[in-house]
Each structure stands twice: as C-alpha cells, then as structure tokens.
C-alpha atoms as a PDB file:
ATOM      1  CA  MET A   1      -2.458 -18.943  -4.961  1.00  0.00           C
ATOM      2  CA  LEU A   2      -3.432 -15.312  -5.516  1.00  0.00           C
ATOM      3  CA  HIS A   3      -5.104 -14.315  -8.774  1.00  0.00           C
ATOM      4  CA  GLY A   4      -6.523 -11.267 -10.530  1.00  0.00           C
ATOM      5  CA  PRO A   5      -6.895  -8.029  -8.541  1.00  0.00           C
ATOM      6  CA  ALA A   6      -4.933  -9.345  -5.552  1.00  0.00           C
ATOM      7  CA  MET A   7      -1.910 -10.119  -7.717  1.00  0.00           C
ATOM      8  CA  LYS A   8      -2.186  -6.722  -9.418  1.00  0.00           C
ATOM      9  CA  LEU A   9      -2.337  -4.992  -6.025  1.00  0.00           C
ATOM     10  CA  ILE A  10       0.716  -6.858  -4.734  1.00  0.00           C
ATOM     11  CA  SER A  11       2.537  -6.183  -7.977  1.00  0.00           C
ATOM     12  CA  SER A  12       1.797  -2.436  -7.850  1.00  0.00           C
ATOM     13  CA  LYS A  13       2.898  -2.234  -4.202  1.00  0.00           C
ATOM     14  CA  THR A  14       6.115  -4.090  -5.006  1.00  0.00           C
ATOM     15  CA  ILE A  15       6.864  -1.825  -7.955  1.00  0.00           C
ATOM     16  CA  ARG A  16       6.239   1.325  -5.895  1.00  0.00           C
ATOM     17  CA  ALA A  17       8.393   0.019  -3.042  1.00  0.00           C
ATOM     18  CA  LEU A  18      11.262  -0.740  -5.410  1.00  0.00           C
ATOM     19  CA  ALA A  19      10.849   2.638  -7.085  1.00  0.00           C
ATOM     20  CA  SER A  20      10.933   4.349  -3.674  1.00  0.00           C
ATOM     21  CA  VAL A  21      14.167   2.595  -2.737  1.00  0.00           C
ATOM     22  CA  CYS A  22      15.699   3.503  -6.109  1.00  0.00           C
ATOM     23  CA  VAL A  23      14.670   7.163  -5.748  1.00  0.00           C
ATOM     24  CA  THR A  24      16.160   7.451  -2.266  1.00  0.00           C
ATOM     25  CA  VAL A  25      19.385   5.606  -3.101  1.00  0.00           C
ATOM     26  CA  GLY A  26      19.775   7.421  -6.407  1.00  0.00           C
ATOM     27  CA  LEU A  27      19.218  10.909  -5.001  1.00  0.00           C
ATOM     28  CA  LEU A  28      21.486  10.301  -2.000  1.00  0.00           C
ATOM     29  CA  TRP A  29      24.175   8.970  -4.335  1.00  0.00           C
ATOM     30  CA  LEU A  30      23.919  12.027  -6.588  1.00  0.00           C
ATOM     31  CA  LEU A  31      23.955  14.391  -3.615  1.00  0.00           C
ATOM     32  CA  GLY A  32      26.918  12.521  -2.124  1.00  0.00           C
ATOM     33  CA  ARG A  33      28.879  13.193  -5.307  1.00  0.00           C
ATOM     34  CA  SER A  34      28.025  16.903  -5.382  1.00  0.00           C
ATOM     35  CA  VAL A  35      28.421  17.921  -1.726  1.00  0.00           C
ATOM     36  CA  ASP A  36      31.377  18.068   0.639  1.00  0.00           C
ATOM     37  CA  VAL A  37      30.914  14.969   2.776  1.00  0.00           C
ATOM     38  CA  ASP A  38      33.787  16.001   5.058  1.00  0.00           C
ATOM     39  CA  ARG A  39      32.007  19.304   5.685  1.00  0.00           C
ATOM     40  CA  ILE A  40      28.811  17.443   6.634  1.00  0.00           C
ATOM     41  CA  ALA A  41      30.747  15.161   8.970  1.00  0.00           C
ATOM     42  CA  ALA A  42      32.418  18.184  10.591  1.00  0.00           C
ATOM     43  CA  LEU A  43      29.055  19.877  11.174  1.00  0.00           C
ATOM     44  CA  PHE A  44      27.759  16.773  12.911  1.00  0.00           C
ATOM     45  CA  LYS A  45      30.940  16.237  14.897  1.00  0.00           C
ATOM     46  CA  GLY A  46      31.016  19.808  16.174  1.00  0.00           C
ATOM     47  CA  GLY A  47      27.263  20.006  16.747  1.00  0.00           C
ATOM     48  CA  ASP A  48      25.410  20.655  19.967  1.00  0.00           C
ATOM     49  CA  TRP A  49      23.559  17.422  20.795  1.00  0.00           C
ATOM     50  CA  ARG A  50      21.252  19.242  23.226  1.00  0.00           C
ATOM     51  CA  TRP A  51      19.499  21.083  20.390  1.00  0.00           C
ATOM     52  CA  TRP A  52      19.248  17.855  18.424  1.00  0.00           C
ATOM     53  CA  ALA A  53      17.718  16.174  21.489  1.00  0.00           C
ATOM     54  CA  CYS A  54      15.103  18.949  21.555  1.00  0.00           C
ATOM     55  CA  ALA A  55      14.199  18.064  17.967  1.00  0.00           C
ATOM     56  CA  VAL A  56      13.870  14.396  18.974  1.00  0.00           C
ATOM     57  CA  VAL A  57      11.555  15.316  21.865  1.00  0.00           C
ATOM     58  CA  LEU A  58       9.307  17.244  19.477  1.00  0.00           C
ATOM     59  CA  VAL A  59       8.440  14.049  17.572  1.00  0.00           C
ATOM     60  CA  PRO A  60       6.120  12.579  20.243  1.00  0.00           C
ATOM     61  CA  ILE A  61       4.384  15.968  20.357  1.00  0.00           C
ATOM     62  CA  GLN A  62       3.885  15.781  16.593  1.00  0.00           C
ATOM     63  CA  ILE A  63       2.506  12.261  16.956  1.00  0.00           C
ATOM     64  CA  GLY A  64       0.118  13.406  19.676  1.00  0.00           C
ATOM     65  CA  LEU A  65      -1.192  16.285  17.559  1.00  0.00           C
ATOM     66  CA  GLY A  66      -1.628  14.094  14.507  1.00  0.00           C
ATOM     67  CA  ALA A  67      -3.398  11.454  16.579  1.00  0.00           C
ATOM     68  CA  LEU A  68      -5.820  14.025  18.001  1.00  0.00           C
ATOM     69  CA  ARG A  69      -6.763  15.151  14.485  1.00  0.00           C
ATOM     70  CA  TRP A  70      -7.246  11.581  13.257  1.00  0.00           C
ATOM     71  CA  HIS A  71      -9.251  10.694  16.388  1.00  0.00           C
ATOM     72  CA  ARG A  72     -11.607  13.632  15.785  1.00  0.00           C
ATOM     73  CA  VAL A  73     -12.010  12.813  12.079  1.00  0.00           C
ATOM     74  CA  ALA A  74     -12.770   9.172  12.881  1.00  0.00           C
ATOM     75  CA  ALA A  75     -15.358  10.194  15.476  1.00  0.00           C
ATOM     76  CA  ASP A  76     -17.019  12.591  13.026  1.00  0.00           C
ATOM     77  CA  LEU A  77     -17.285   9.746  10.506  1.00  0.00           C
ATOM     78  CA  SER A  78     -18.770   7.347  13.105  1.00  0.00           C
ATOM     79  CA  LEU A  79     -15.583   5.271  13.335  1.00  0.00           C
ATOM     80  CA  PRO A  80     -14.778   5.822  17.013  1.00  0.00           C
ATOM     81  CA  MET A  81     -11.631   4.811  18.857  1.00  0.00           C
ATOM     82  CA  SER A  82     -10.137   5.851  22.165  1.00  0.00           C
ATOM     83  CA  ARG A  83      -7.593   8.675  22.297  1.00  0.00           C
ATOM     84  CA  ARG A  84      -5.014   6.269  23.670  1.00  0.00           C
ATOM     85  CA  GLN A  85      -5.577   3.918  20.758  1.00  0.00           C
ATOM     86  CA  ALA A  86      -5.262   6.802  18.307  1.00  0.00           C
ATOM     87  CA  VAL A  87      -1.928   7.903  19.795  1.00  0.00           C
ATOM     88  CA  GLU A  88      -0.546   4.353  19.825  1.00  0.00           C
ATOM     89  CA  GLU A  89      -1.600   3.611  16.259  1.00  0.00           C
ATOM     90  CA  TYR A  90      -0.386   6.980  14.985  1.00  0.00           C
ATOM     91  CA  GLY A  91       2.961   6.411  16.688  1.00  0.00           C
ATOM     92  CA  LEU A  92       3.365   3.017  15.023  1.00  0.00           C
ATOM     93  CA  SER A  93       2.305   4.516  11.689  1.00  0.00           C
ATOM     94  CA  THR A  94       4.902   7.279  11.994  1.00  0.00           C
ATOM     95  CA  LEU A  95       7.692   4.798  12.704  1.00  0.00           C
ATOM     96  CA  LEU A  96       6.752   2.515   9.819  1.00  0.00           C
ATOM     97  CA  ASN A  97       6.579   5.487   7.448  1.00  0.00           C
ATOM     98  CA  GLN A  98      10.160   6.287   8.469  1.00  0.00           C
ATOM     99  CA  LEU A  99      11.441   2.764   7.888  1.00  0.00           C
ATOM    100  CA  LEU A 100       9.500   1.320   4.956  1.00  0.00           C
ATOM    101  CA  PRO A 101       9.519   2.340   1.272  1.00  0.00           C
ATOM    102  CA  GLY A 102       6.788   4.502  -0.184  1.00  0.00           C
ATOM    103  CA  GLY A 103       6.037   6.755   2.769  1.00  0.00           C
ATOM    104  CA  MET A 104       2.557   5.254   3.163  1.00  0.00           C
ATOM    105  CA  ALA A 105       3.172   1.802   4.662  1.00  0.00           C
ATOM    106  CA  GLY A 106       2.528   3.152   8.143  1.00  0.00           C
ATOM    107  CA  ASP A 107      -0.727   4.765   7.044  1.00  0.00           C
ATOM    108  CA  ALA A 108      -1.800   1.510   5.394  1.00  0.00           C
ATOM    109  CA  THR A 109      -1.105  -0.360   8.644  1.00  0.00           C
ATOM    110  CA  ARG A 110      -3.034   2.265  10.619  1.00  0.00           C
ATOM    111  CA  VAL A 111      -6.021   1.911   8.281  1.00  0.00           C
ATOM    112  CA  TRP A 112      -5.948  -1.889   8.414  1.00  0.00           C
ATOM    113  CA  ARG A 113      -5.852  -1.935  12.216  1.00  0.00           C
ATOM    114  CA  HIS A 114      -8.593   0.712  12.389  1.00  0.00           C
ATOM    115  CA  LYS A 115     -10.738  -1.563  10.225  1.00  0.00           C
ATOM    116  CA  GLN A 116     -11.054  -3.987  13.171  1.00  0.00           C
ATOM    117  CA  GLY A 117     -14.560  -3.593  14.548  1.00  0.00           C
ATOM    118  CA  HIS A 118     -15.677  -1.327  11.704  1.00  0.00           C
ATOM    119  CA  GLY A 119     -16.380  -3.818   8.934  1.00  0.00           C
ATOM    120  CA  ALA A 120     -15.173  -2.902   5.442  1.00  0.00           C
ATOM    121  CA  LEU A 121     -11.906  -1.132   4.714  1.00  0.00           C
ATOM    122  CA  GLY A 122     -13.398   1.779   2.745  1.00  0.00           C
ATOM    123  CA  ALA A 123     -14.550   4.000   5.609  1.00  0.00           C
ATOM    124  CA  PRO A 124     -11.326   3.743   7.703  1.00  0.00           C
ATOM    125  CA  LEU A 125      -9.330   4.403   4.527  1.00  0.00           C
ATOM    126  CA  ARG A 126     -11.314   7.572   3.803  1.00  0.00           C
ATOM    127  CA  ALA A 127     -10.912   8.688   7.436  1.00  0.00           C
ATOM    128  CA  ALA A 128      -7.127   8.440   7.068  1.00  0.00           C
ATOM    129  CA  LEU A 129      -7.279  10.284   3.743  1.00  0.00           C
ATOM    130  CA  VAL A 130      -9.432  13.044   5.230  1.00  0.00           C
ATOM    131  CA  ASP A 131      -6.883  13.348   8.032  1.00  0.00           C
ATOM    132  CA  ARG A 132      -4.106  13.708   5.450  1.00  0.00           C
ATOM    133  CA  VAL A 133      -6.001  16.199   3.285  1.00  0.00           C
ATOM    134  CA  VAL A 134      -6.746  18.476   6.247  1.00  0.00           C
ATOM    135  CA  GLY A 135      -3.051  18.376   7.132  1.00  0.00           C
ATOM    136  CA  HIS A 136      -2.045  19.232   3.570  1.00  0.00           C
ATOM    137  CA  TRP A 137      -4.428  22.218   3.533  1.00  0.00           C
ATOM    138  CA  ALA A 138      -2.833  23.601   6.683  1.00  0.00           C
ATOM    139  CA  HIS A 139       0.641  22.972   5.297  1.00  0.00           C
ATOM    140  CA  LEU A 140      -0.204  24.877   2.133  1.00  0.00           C
ATOM    141  CA  ALA A 141      -1.621  27.773   4.159  1.00  0.00           C
ATOM    142  CA  VAL A 142       1.535  28.006   6.281  1.00  0.00           C
ATOM    143  CA  THR A 143       3.729  27.682   3.170  1.00  0.00           C
ATOM    144  CA  LEU A 144       1.862  30.477   1.397  1.00  0.00           C
ATOM    145  CA  SER A 145       2.152  32.683   4.500  1.00  0.00           C
ATOM    146  CA  GLY A 146       5.882  31.976   4.623  1.00  0.00           C
ATOM    147  CA  LEU A 147       6.302  32.950   0.986  1.00  0.00           C
ATOM    148  CA  LEU A 148       4.418  36.209   1.596  1.00  0.00           C
ATOM    149  CA  LEU A 149       6.768  36.881   4.524  1.00  0.00           C
ATOM    150  CA  TRP A 150       9.829  35.999   2.433  1.00  0.00           C
ATOM    151  CA  ALA A 151       9.985  39.339   0.630  1.00  0.00           C
ATOM    152  CA  LYS A 152       9.917  41.223   3.931  1.00  0.00           C
ATOM    153  CA  VAL A 153      12.768  39.368   5.649  1.00  0.00           C
ATOM    154  CA  HIS A 154      15.058  38.196   2.833  1.00  0.00           C
ATOM    155  CA  PRO A 155      16.763  40.291   0.152  1.00  0.00           C
ATOM    156  CA  GLN A 156      16.818  37.283  -2.142  1.00  0.00           C
ATOM    157  CA  PRO A 157      13.680  36.199  -4.031  1.00  0.00           C
ATOM    158  CA  PRO A 158      12.054  32.842  -3.228  1.00  0.00           C
ATOM    159  CA  PRO A 159      12.988  29.838  -5.378  1.00  0.00           C
ATOM    160  CA  GLU A 160      11.814  30.186  -8.945  1.00  0.00           C
ATOM    161  CA  GLY A 161       8.464  28.538  -9.340  1.00  0.00           C
ATOM    162  CA  GLY A 162       7.925  28.175  -5.583  1.00  0.00           C
ATOM    163  CA  VAL A 163       5.049  30.646  -5.396  1.00  0.00           C
ATOM    164  CA  GLY A 164       3.512  29.300  -8.583  1.00  0.00           C
ATOM    165  CA  LEU A 165       3.629  25.728  -7.284  1.00  0.00           C
ATOM    166  CA  VAL A 166       1.914  26.642  -4.016  1.00  0.00           C
ATOM    167  CA  VAL A 167      -0.769  28.733  -5.748  1.00  0.00           C
ATOM    168  CA  PHE A 168      -1.384  25.879  -8.197  1.00  0.00           C
ATOM    169  CA  MET A 169      -1.781  23.358  -5.378  1.00  0.00           C
ATOM    170  CA  VAL A 170      -4.171  25.664  -3.532  1.00  0.00           C
ATOM    171  CA  ALA A 171      -6.197  26.121  -6.724  1.00  0.00           C
ATOM    172  CA  VAL A 172      -6.420  22.353  -7.221  1.00  0.00           C
ATOM    173  CA  PHE A 173      -7.736  21.894  -3.681  1.00  0.00           C
ATOM    174  CA  VAL A 174     -10.323  24.666  -4.180  1.00  0.00           C
ATOM    175  CA  VAL A 175     -11.549  23.200  -7.474  1.00  0.00           C
ATOM    176  CA  LEU A 176     -11.801  19.708  -5.986  1.00  0.00           C
ATOM    177  CA  TRP A 177     -13.685  21.052  -2.960  1.00  0.00           C
ATOM    178  CA  PHE A 178     -16.419  22.530  -5.153  1.00  0.00           C
ATOM    179  CA  ARG A 179     -16.287  20.091  -8.085  1.00  0.00           C
ATOM    180  CA  PRO A 180     -14.624  16.818  -7.022  1.00  0.00           C
ATOM    181  CA  VAL A 181     -13.860  14.347  -9.779  1.00  0.00           C
ATOM    182  CA  PRO A 182     -16.032  11.180  -9.726  1.00  0.00           C
ATOM    183  CA  GLY A 183     -13.449   9.007  -7.984  1.00  0.00           C
ATOM    184  CA  LEU A 184     -13.056  11.499  -5.124  1.00  0.00           C
ATOM    185  CA  ARG A 185     -16.678  12.456  -4.455  1.00  0.00           C
ATOM    186  CA  ARG A 186     -17.096  10.088  -1.476  1.00  0.00           C
ATOM    187  CA  LEU A 187     -13.826  11.317   0.021  1.00  0.00           C
ATOM    188  CA  PHE A 188     -14.845  14.982  -0.240  1.00  0.00           C
ATOM    189  CA  SER A 189     -18.274  14.144   1.114  1.00  0.00           C
ATOM    190  CA  ASP A 190     -16.556  12.743   4.219  1.00  0.00           C
ATOM    191  CA  LEU A 191     -14.303  15.797   4.300  1.00  0.00           C
ATOM    192  CA  ARG A 192     -17.360  18.087   4.409  1.00  0.00           C
ATOM    193  CA  ILE A 193     -18.764  16.029   7.292  1.00  0.00           C
ATOM    194  CA  ALA A 194     -15.506  16.421   9.207  1.00  0.00           C
ATOM    195  CA  LEU A 195     -15.535  20.179   8.544  1.00  0.00           C
ATOM    196  CA  ALA A 196     -19.255  20.796   8.734  1.00  0.00           C
ATOM    197  CA  ARG A 197     -19.184  23.244  11.655  1.00  0.00           C
ATOM    198  CA  GLY A 198     -17.074  26.250  12.489  1.00  0.00           C
ATOM    199  CA  THR A 199     -15.828  24.580  15.655  1.00  0.00           C
ATOM    200  CA  GLN A 200     -14.527  21.697  13.552  1.00  0.00           C
ATOM    201  CA  TRP A 201     -12.696  24.100  11.239  1.00  0.00           C
ATOM    202  CA  VAL A 202     -11.113  25.784  14.259  1.00  0.00           C
ATOM    203  CA  PHE A 203     -10.126  22.475  15.847  1.00  0.00           C
ATOM    204  CA  HIS A 204      -8.648  20.893  12.738  1.00  0.00           C
ATOM    205  CA  GLY A 205      -7.054  24.132  11.567  1.00  0.00           C
ATOM    206  CA  GLY A 206      -5.483  24.812  14.940  1.00  0.00           C
ATOM    207  CA  ILE A 207      -4.180  21.261  15.377  1.00  0.00           C
ATOM    208  CA  SER A 208      -2.839  21.107  11.812  1.00  0.00           C
ATOM    209  CA  VAL A 209      -1.078  24.483  11.933  1.00  0.00           C
ATOM    210  CA  ALA A 210       0.439  23.548  15.301  1.00  0.00           C
ATOM    211  CA  LEU A 211       1.687  20.319  13.739  1.00  0.00           C
ATOM    212  CA  VAL A 212       3.332  22.157  10.832  1.00  0.00           C
ATOM    213  CA  MET A 213       4.918  24.598  13.272  1.00  0.00           C
ATOM    214  CA  CYS A 214       6.347  21.632  15.202  1.00  0.00           C
ATOM    215  CA  PHE A 215       8.123  20.582  11.997  1.00  0.00           C
ATOM    216  CA  VAL A 216       9.388  24.145  11.579  1.00  0.00           C
ATOM    217  CA  LEU A 217      10.621  24.235  15.174  1.00  0.00           C
ATOM    218  CA  SER A 218      12.288  20.855  14.719  1.00  0.00           C
ATOM    219  CA  PHE A 219      14.228  22.174  11.704  1.00  0.00           C
ATOM    220  CA  TRP A 220      15.133  25.278  13.721  1.00  0.00           C
ATOM    221  CA  CYS A 221      16.516  23.114  16.539  1.00  0.00           C
ATOM    222  CA  CYS A 222      18.488  20.966  14.083  1.00  0.00           C
ATOM    223  CA  ALA A 223      19.959  24.108  12.510  1.00  0.00           C
ATOM    224  CA  GLU A 224      21.063  25.269  15.950  1.00  0.00           C
ATOM    225  CA  ALA A 225      22.506  21.810  16.587  1.00  0.00           C
ATOM    226  CA  ILE A 226      24.827  21.947  13.573  1.00  0.00           C
ATOM    227  CA  GLY A 227      25.786  25.570  14.181  1.00  0.00           C
ATOM    228  CA  ARG A 228      23.953  27.017  11.150  1.00  0.00           C
ATOM    229  CA  PRO A 229      21.035  29.019  12.638  1.00  0.00           C
ATOM    230  CA  LEU A 230      18.017  29.485  10.367  1.00  0.00           C
ATOM    231  CA  GLY A 231      16.502  32.591  11.923  1.00  0.00           C
ATOM    232  CA  TRP A 232      13.464  33.823  10.001  1.00  0.00           C
ATOM    233  CA  ALA A 233      14.208  31.252   7.304  1.00  0.00           C
ATOM    234  CA  ALA A 234      12.616  28.636   9.546  1.00  0.00           C
ATOM    235  CA  LEU A 235       9.226  30.240   8.837  1.00  0.00           C
ATOM    236  CA  THR A 236       9.820  31.178   5.222  1.00  0.00           C
ATOM    237  CA  SER A 237      11.714  28.204   3.795  1.00  0.00           C
ATOM    238  CA  VAL A 238      11.020  25.109   5.894  1.00  0.00           C
ATOM    239  CA  PRO A 239       7.310  24.737   4.955  1.00  0.00           C
ATOM    240  CA  LEU A 240       8.290  25.081   1.288  1.00  0.00           C
ATOM    241  CA  MET A 241      11.078  22.523   1.712  1.00  0.00           C
ATOM    242  CA  MET A 242       8.672  20.072   3.349  1.00  0.00           C
ATOM    243  CA  LEU A 243       6.119  20.209   0.511  1.00  0.00           C
ATOM    244  CA  VAL A 244       8.145  17.547  -1.274  1.00  0.00           C
ATOM    245  CA  MET A 245       7.135  15.102   1.458  1.00  0.00           C
ATOM    246  CA  VAL A 246       3.677  14.756  -0.108  1.00  0.00           C
ATOM    247  CA  VAL A 247       5.378  12.703  -2.846  1.00  0.00           C
ATOM    248  CA  PRO A 248       5.049   9.065  -1.672  1.00  0.00           C
ATOM    249  CA  LEU A 249       8.161   7.872  -3.475  1.00  0.00           C
ATOM    250  CA  SER A 250      11.071   7.499  -1.067  1.00  0.00           C
ATOM    251  CA  VAL A 251      12.143   5.760   2.114  1.00  0.00           C
ATOM    252  CA  GLY A 252      11.283   8.020   5.045  1.00  0.00           C
ATOM    253  CA  GLY A 253      11.606  11.095   2.821  1.00  0.00           C
ATOM    254  CA  TRP A 254      15.359  10.573   2.465  1.00  0.00           C
ATOM    255  CA  GLY A 255      16.784  11.920  -0.764  1.00  0.00           C
ATOM    256  CA  LEU A 256      13.756  14.008  -1.696  1.00  0.00           C
ATOM    257  CA  ARG A 257      14.004  16.052   1.503  1.00  0.00           C
ATOM    258  CA  GLU A 258      17.752  16.617   1.112  1.00  0.00           C
ATOM    259  CA  LEU A 259      17.378  17.692  -2.507  1.00  0.00           C
ATOM    260  CA  SER A 260      14.535  20.067  -1.624  1.00  0.00           C
ATOM    261  CA  SER A 261      16.565  21.555   1.236  1.00  0.00           C
ATOM    262  CA  ALA A 262      19.558  22.149  -1.016  1.00  0.00           C
ATOM    263  CA  VAL A 263      17.430  23.864  -3.666  1.00  0.00           C
ATOM    264  CA  VAL A 264      15.418  26.099  -1.318  1.00  0.00           C
ATOM    265  CA  LEU A 265      18.235  27.094   1.028  1.00  0.00           C
ATOM    266  CA  SER A 266      20.569  27.849  -1.862  1.00  0.00           C
ATOM    267  CA  GLN A 267      18.365  30.923  -2.431  1.00  0.00           C
ATOM    268  CA  LEU A 268      19.438  32.116   1.019  1.00  0.00           C
ATOM    269  CA  GLY A 269      23.129  31.615   0.372  1.00  0.00           C
ATOM    270  CA  TRP A 270      23.476  28.225   2.026  1.00  0.00           C
ATOM    271  CA  ALA A 271      26.023  25.789   0.654  1.00  0.00           C
ATOM    272  CA  ALA A 272      24.507  22.519  -0.523  1.00  0.00           C
ATOM    273  CA  SER A 273      26.576  20.612   2.054  1.00  0.00           C
ATOM    274  CA  ASP A 274      25.119  22.640   4.921  1.00  0.00           C
ATOM    275  CA  ALA A 275      21.563  22.226   3.632  1.00  0.00           C
ATOM    276  CA  VAL A 276      21.999  18.460   3.281  1.00  0.00           C
ATOM    277  CA  ALA A 277      23.509  18.278   6.788  1.00  0.00           C
ATOM    278  CA  LEU A 278      20.486  20.134   8.187  1.00  0.00           C
ATOM    279  CA  SER A 279      18.037  17.865   6.407  1.00  0.00           C
ATOM    280  CA  ALA A 280      19.914  14.755   7.551  1.00  0.00           C
ATOM    281  CA  ALA A 281      19.888  15.991  11.156  1.00  0.00           C
ATOM    282  CA  PHE A 282      16.124  16.475  10.881  1.00  0.00           C
ATOM    283  CA  GLY A 283      15.718  13.005   9.363  1.00  0.00           C
ATOM    284  CA  PHE A 284      17.659  11.303  12.143  1.00  0.00           C
ATOM    285  CA  ALA A 285      15.773  13.288  14.804  1.00  0.00           C
ATOM    286  CA  ASN A 286      12.448  12.142  13.377  1.00  0.00           C
ATOM    287  CA  LEU A 287      13.594   8.538  13.166  1.00  0.00           C
ATOM    288  CA  PHE A 288      14.885   8.409  16.746  1.00  0.00           C
ATOM    289  CA  GLY A 289      11.859  10.284  18.049  1.00  0.00           C
ATOM    290  CA  ALA A 290       9.488   7.798  16.395  1.00  0.00           C
ATOM    291  CA  ILE A 291      11.173   4.653  17.766  1.00  0.00           C
ATOM    292  CA  PRO A 292       8.942   4.431  20.885  1.00  0.00           C
ATOM    293  CA  GLY A 293       5.975   3.931  18.541  1.00  0.00           C
ATOM    294  CA  GLY A 294       7.338   0.472  17.754  1.00  0.00           C
ATOM    295  CA  TRP A 295       6.411  -0.879  21.173  1.00  0.00           C
ATOM    296  CA  LEU A 296       2.901  -1.509  19.859  1.00  0.00           C
ATOM    297  CA  LEU A 297       4.358  -4.301  17.720  1.00  0.00           C
ATOM    298  CA  LEU A 298       5.146  -6.189  20.923  1.00  0.00           C
ATOM    299  CA  ARG A 299       1.478  -6.248  21.887  1.00  0.00           C
ATOM    300  CA  PRO A 300      -1.022  -8.724  20.437  1.00  0.00           C
ATOM    301  CA  SER A 301      -3.383  -7.335  17.843  1.00  0.00           C
ATOM    302  CA  ILE A 302      -6.517  -6.139  19.630  1.00  0.00           C
ATOM    303  CA  LYS A 303      -9.845  -4.661  18.599  1.00  0.00           C
ATOM    304  CA  MET A 304     -10.024  -0.890  18.492  1.00  0.00           C
ATOM    305  CA  GLU A 305     -11.162   0.556  21.807  1.00  0.00           C
ATOM    306  CA  THR A 306     -14.010   3.063  21.511  1.00  0.00           C
ATOM    307  CA  ALA A 307     -13.921   4.680  24.924  1.00  0.00           C
END
C-alpha cells in the first residue's frame, strides 16, 4: 500500500487530470451552445482535404525539430541519447500529450524513459523543463513580433490585454533569468549551461523559431482547408492564440485553444463558429499527425541509446 508523499503525488495527479477533463468538456459545451454547429459542419464538409493533409504532414516535422532541441539540451547536460531515440521518444510524448489529460503526461513519460541509464529522475526532468523553457522563449519572441506587425497589416487593434500579457510574460522570464527564485535556481543553472555559448543560442533559437513557424503554417493550411484564408493573420494572431497552450489544464488543448481562437480572431472580424472550426481542424491535424509516434508502445522498453 502506498503512503505519504506517494499518495499525495497520485492524488494531485488525479485531481489535475479530472480538472483537465472538466475544463475541456466544460469549455467545449459552452462553445457548442454559443456557436453555429451547422456552420462548422458545413465548413468541414466543403473543405479541401489536401490542405488539411499538408497540416497533418507538418506534425512529424514539428516532432523532428522538437526532438533535435531536446537531444541537444540533453547532450549539453551530460544526459546523452541518440538522435533516433530522441525522435522516437518525442513522437510518443507528442501523441500522449494529445490523448491524455493535463497536457504533460507525454512529457512525464519522456522524462521517465530518459531516466533509464541516467540514475535519478531530477536531471532528466530538468532537461525536459529546459527544453520547454527555451521553446516558450522563442514562442514569446515570435508572438511579440506578430503583435508589433499587427498595427501595420490590420486596421483593428490587437485583443485588449494581449500586448500587456506578452510583455508581462517576457518580464517574468527576464527577472527569473537574473534572479531565479530558490526553487528554480537549479533549473536556471542548467538553462545557462544549455545556452552558454553563442552557437548554442543560435541553434536553440533557430530550431525553436522554426518550430513555432511550423505551428503557424499548420494553422494557415487548416484555414485554407476550410475556405477561410488567414493571410497575414497567420503571423499576427496564431502565436498569440497558441499562448494558451502553456496552461497544462485540458485534454490535448481542446477547449482552451478553441476559446482562444474565438477571442483573438474576433478582433479580425471572424465569426466565432469559423474560429472554432479552424481550431478544431488544427486539433484534428495534430492528433492524426502524431499517431505514428504510438508505434514505440509496441516495442519493449529499452535503455536509452547514446550513440
């Protein structure tokens, strides 16, 4: 029988999983009552599946880019694995994040499997967190650039509070970089190791920006698929819409992503039904594109390869 910390950990995970399911179901239910479901169905029925297929094909590219960043971070922190192993594990992680509540179950699995051959769980966990933090920095940079571009390409202002939220998040990252709180000092120490040289900044920055742009391109393809082209809005609005995905309280981002899309795109004159249809098309594309990552479950658990 489990006691003490183990029971508390299981209890907290169970509560967060249930909360994630409730958030997704609740938001989708509320959106279903406020949008034209027939309109959404018509957009899907009359859509061009070839553009949607392009969005599906982009998912393995996203997985490959994310795996390369994680592989480099792990190597910098003396937790080596082969590139093939990184791609396989990242693919499985992406699929599990799509299917399981909380948005972090895949990352937890990736960390646990990375632990094999590297002793304690702490270092692989920090490597995954460093990987995430670098990605969030790039996402914020692209989002801020999109908001600066917004005024030049759209007559409407950006969503109220959008610029303030991004600036606040950037400020938090800057403060933590220079004065991390006690519980995050080891994490930021590892982050400095991973970004110690200019070549590392270039590598991680380039990979991370390319990854964000893959998400933008995927949304653009989905918009083409449902016959509601985004144009410049792909660069200005999509990164802002995707910021909500940092909240680990949903099932595969469903509900939160649709609500964010409806709010942001409403500033550009989109009907809520069209915005929800676009977000749903993106969600399905990411789910179908991640399915090949599940093949790793058919293999026996093996020690991480290092070459």
